Amino acid sequence: MLEWYRAHASMHDVMDDTEALVVAVARALGARRALDVGGLRVSLRRPFERLAVADAFERYAGVRARRALE
């Protein structure tokens, strides 16, 4: 896990930084357009999909999170 902050940067700026880091590491490991992760082919095309944590839990774990505004 890696966590960092950048002064005066928005959440979207930090997400852009994260995408750039992931692509740079993948390319340093020899990947060009996609990376194979546990039998799943993950595209390195930017922008990456962005979704809320609650949506990720629902999609990938089948857990429906209660929303604060519900």
Protein backbone atom coordinates (compact mmCIF):
# COMPACT_ATOMS: atom_id res chain seq x y z
CA MET A 1 0.00 0.00 0.00
CA LEU A 2 1.21 3.44 -0.85
CA GLU A 3 -0.32 6.66 0.36
CA TRP A 4 0.81 10.18 -0.31
CA TYR A 5 -0.47 13.72 -0.50
CA ARG A 6 0.47 16.75 -2.54
CA ALA A 7 0.03 20.26 -1.16
CA HIS A 8 -2.64 22.28 -2.95
CA ALA A 9 -3.55 19.33 -5.22
CA SER A 10 -7.09 18.14 -5.76
CA MET A 11 -8.24 14.57 -5.34
CA HIS A 12 -8.28 14.30 -9.14
CA ASP A 13 -4.68 15.52 -9.38
CA VAL A 14 -3.59 12.77 -6.98
CA MET A 15 -5.59 10.19 -8.99
CA ASP A 16 -3.76 11.37 -12.13
CA ASP A 17 -0.45 10.96 -10.26
CA THR A 18 -1.46 7.42 -9.28
CA GLU A 19 -2.30 6.50 -12.87
CA ALA A 20 1.06 7.84 -14.07
CA LEU A 21 2.89 5.85 -11.38
CA VAL A 22 1.07 2.59 -12.18
CA VAL A 23 1.71 2.99 -15.93
CA ALA A 24 5.40 3.85 -15.37
CA VAL A 25 5.95 0.80 -13.15
CA ALA A 26 4.06 -1.49 -15.54
CA ARG A 27 6.11 -0.26 -18.48
CA ALA A 28 9.34 -0.66 -16.49
CA LEU A 29 8.29 -4.30 -16.00
CA GLY A 30 7.82 -4.71 -19.75
CA ALA A 31 4.07 -4.16 -20.14
CA ARG A 32 2.93 -2.03 -23.06
CA ARG A 33 -0.84 -1.79 -23.38
CA ALA A 34 -2.00 -4.07 -20.57
CA LEU A 35 -0.80 -5.85 -17.47
CA ASP A 36 -1.67 -9.44 -16.54
CA VAL A 37 -2.75 -9.61 -12.91
CA GLY A 38 -3.78 -13.00 -11.53
CA GLY A 39 -5.12 -14.15 -14.90
CA LEU A 40 -6.95 -10.88 -15.50
CA ARG A 41 -5.74 -8.57 -18.26
CA VAL A 42 -5.81 -4.96 -17.04
CA SER A 43 -5.62 -2.16 -19.59
CA LEU A 44 -3.09 0.61 -19.00
CA ARG A 45 -5.16 3.03 -21.08
CA ARG A 46 -5.81 6.26 -19.26
CA PRO A 47 -7.92 7.52 -17.67
CA PHE A 48 -8.48 4.49 -15.46
CA GLU A 49 -12.03 3.78 -14.34
CA ARG A 50 -12.85 5.71 -11.18
CA LEU A 51 -15.58 4.64 -8.83
CA ALA A 52 -16.60 5.20 -5.25
CA VAL A 53 -15.55 2.68 -2.59
CA ALA A 54 -19.20 1.74 -1.98
CA ASP A 55 -19.66 1.02 -5.70
CA ALA A 56 -16.48 -1.10 -5.77
CA PHE A 57 -17.71 -3.18 -2.81
CA GLU A 58 -21.06 -3.70 -4.50
CA ARG A 59 -19.53 -4.60 -7.89
CA TYR A 60 -16.64 -6.80 -6.77
CA ALA A 61 -17.73 -8.16 -3.38
CA GLY A 62 -21.51 -8.25 -3.77
CA VAL A 63 -21.89 -6.06 -0.68
CA ARG A 64 -24.37 -3.21 -0.88
CA ALA A 65 -23.19 -0.36 1.30
CA ARG A 66 -25.62 2.03 2.92
CA ARG A 67 -25.21 5.50 1.54
CA ALA A 68 -24.96 8.45 3.91
CA LEU A 69 -27.86 10.22 2.16
CA GLU A 70 -30.21 7.23 2.00
